[in-house]
């Protein structure tokens, strides 16, 4: 599975947490209808 991820590693919990924190913050207040993939580039 690692070979299919361009960054060649799994995401660390703190990396996923930072995405969640962004979505919960005012910084994402103007975003609508987006899909964010925290997948190390695996969905490119």
C-alpha atoms as a PDB file:
ATOM      1  CA  UNK A   1       0.000   0.000   0.000  1.00  0.00           C
ATOM      2  CA  UNK A   2       2.825   2.423   0.811  1.00  0.00           C
ATOM      3  CA  UNK A   3       4.069   2.185  -2.782  1.00  0.00           C
ATOM      4  CA  UNK A   4       0.763   3.679  -3.974  1.00  0.00           C
ATOM      5  CA  UNK A   5       1.150   6.785  -1.786  1.00  0.00           C
ATOM      6  CA  UNK A   6       3.321   9.440  -3.488  1.00  0.00           C
ATOM      7  CA  UNK A   7       4.770  10.589  -0.146  1.00  0.00           C
ATOM      8  CA  UNK A   8       5.708   6.948   0.624  1.00  0.00           C
ATOM      9  CA  UNK A   9       4.366   7.026   4.177  1.00  0.00           C
ATOM     10  CA  UNK A  10       1.125   7.012   6.123  1.00  0.00           C
ATOM     11  CA  UNK A  11      -0.168  10.242   7.575  1.00  0.00           C
ATOM     12  CA  UNK A  12       0.611  10.998  11.191  1.00  0.00           C
ATOM     13  CA  UNK A  13      -2.290  11.686  13.566  1.00  0.00           C
ATOM     14  CA  UNK A  14      -1.193  15.292  14.012  1.00  0.00           C
ATOM     15  CA  UNK A  15      -1.335  15.829  10.247  1.00  0.00           C
ATOM     16  CA  UNK A  16      -4.940  14.672  10.139  1.00  0.00           C
ATOM     17  CA  UNK A  17      -5.709  16.710  13.262  1.00  0.00           C
ATOM     18  CA  UNK A  18      -4.406  19.869  11.588  1.00  0.00           C
ATOM     19  CA  UNK A  19      -6.799  19.353   8.675  1.00  0.00           C
ATOM     20  CA  UNK A  20      -9.682  18.904  11.111  1.00  0.00           C
ATOM     21  CA  UNK A  21      -8.588  21.987  13.067  1.00  0.00           C
ATOM     22  CA  UNK A  22      -8.573  24.018   9.853  1.00  0.00           C
ATOM     23  CA  UNK A  23     -12.080  22.868   8.959  1.00  0.00           C
ATOM     24  CA  UNK A  24     -13.309  23.796  12.429  1.00  0.00           C
ATOM     25  CA  UNK A  25     -11.662  27.215  12.354  1.00  0.00           C
ATOM     26  CA  UNK A  26     -12.832  30.544  10.981  1.00  0.00           C
ATOM     27  CA  UNK A  27     -10.186  30.166   8.240  1.00  0.00           C
ATOM     28  CA  UNK A  28     -12.470  27.731   6.430  1.00  0.00           C
ATOM     29  CA  UNK A  29     -15.659  29.765   6.908  1.00  0.00           C
ATOM     30  CA  UNK A  30     -15.924  30.714   3.216  1.00  0.00           C
ATOM     31  CA  UNK A  31     -15.447  27.170   1.902  1.00  0.00           C
ATOM     32  CA  UNK A  32     -18.479  25.384   0.493  1.00  0.00           C
ATOM     33  CA  UNK A  33     -18.869  22.039  -1.231  1.00  0.00           C
ATOM     34  CA  UNK A  34     -15.230  20.992  -1.139  1.00  0.00           C
ATOM     35  CA  UNK A  35     -13.726  17.574  -0.592  1.00  0.00           C
ATOM     36  CA  UNK A  36     -10.327  17.562   1.055  1.00  0.00           C
ATOM     37  CA  UNK A  37      -8.179  14.456   0.850  1.00  0.00           C
ATOM     38  CA  UNK A  38      -5.493  14.157   3.504  1.00  0.00           C
ATOM     39  CA  UNK A  39      -3.990  11.164   1.750  1.00  0.00           C
ATOM     40  CA  UNK A  40      -0.377  12.038   0.964  1.00  0.00           C
ATOM     41  CA  UNK A  41      -1.224  12.476  -2.700  1.00  0.00           C
ATOM     42  CA  UNK A  42      -2.757   9.009  -3.090  1.00  0.00           C
ATOM     43  CA  UNK A  43      -5.850  10.494  -4.745  1.00  0.00           C
ATOM     44  CA  UNK A  44      -4.062  12.533  -7.418  1.00  0.00           C
END
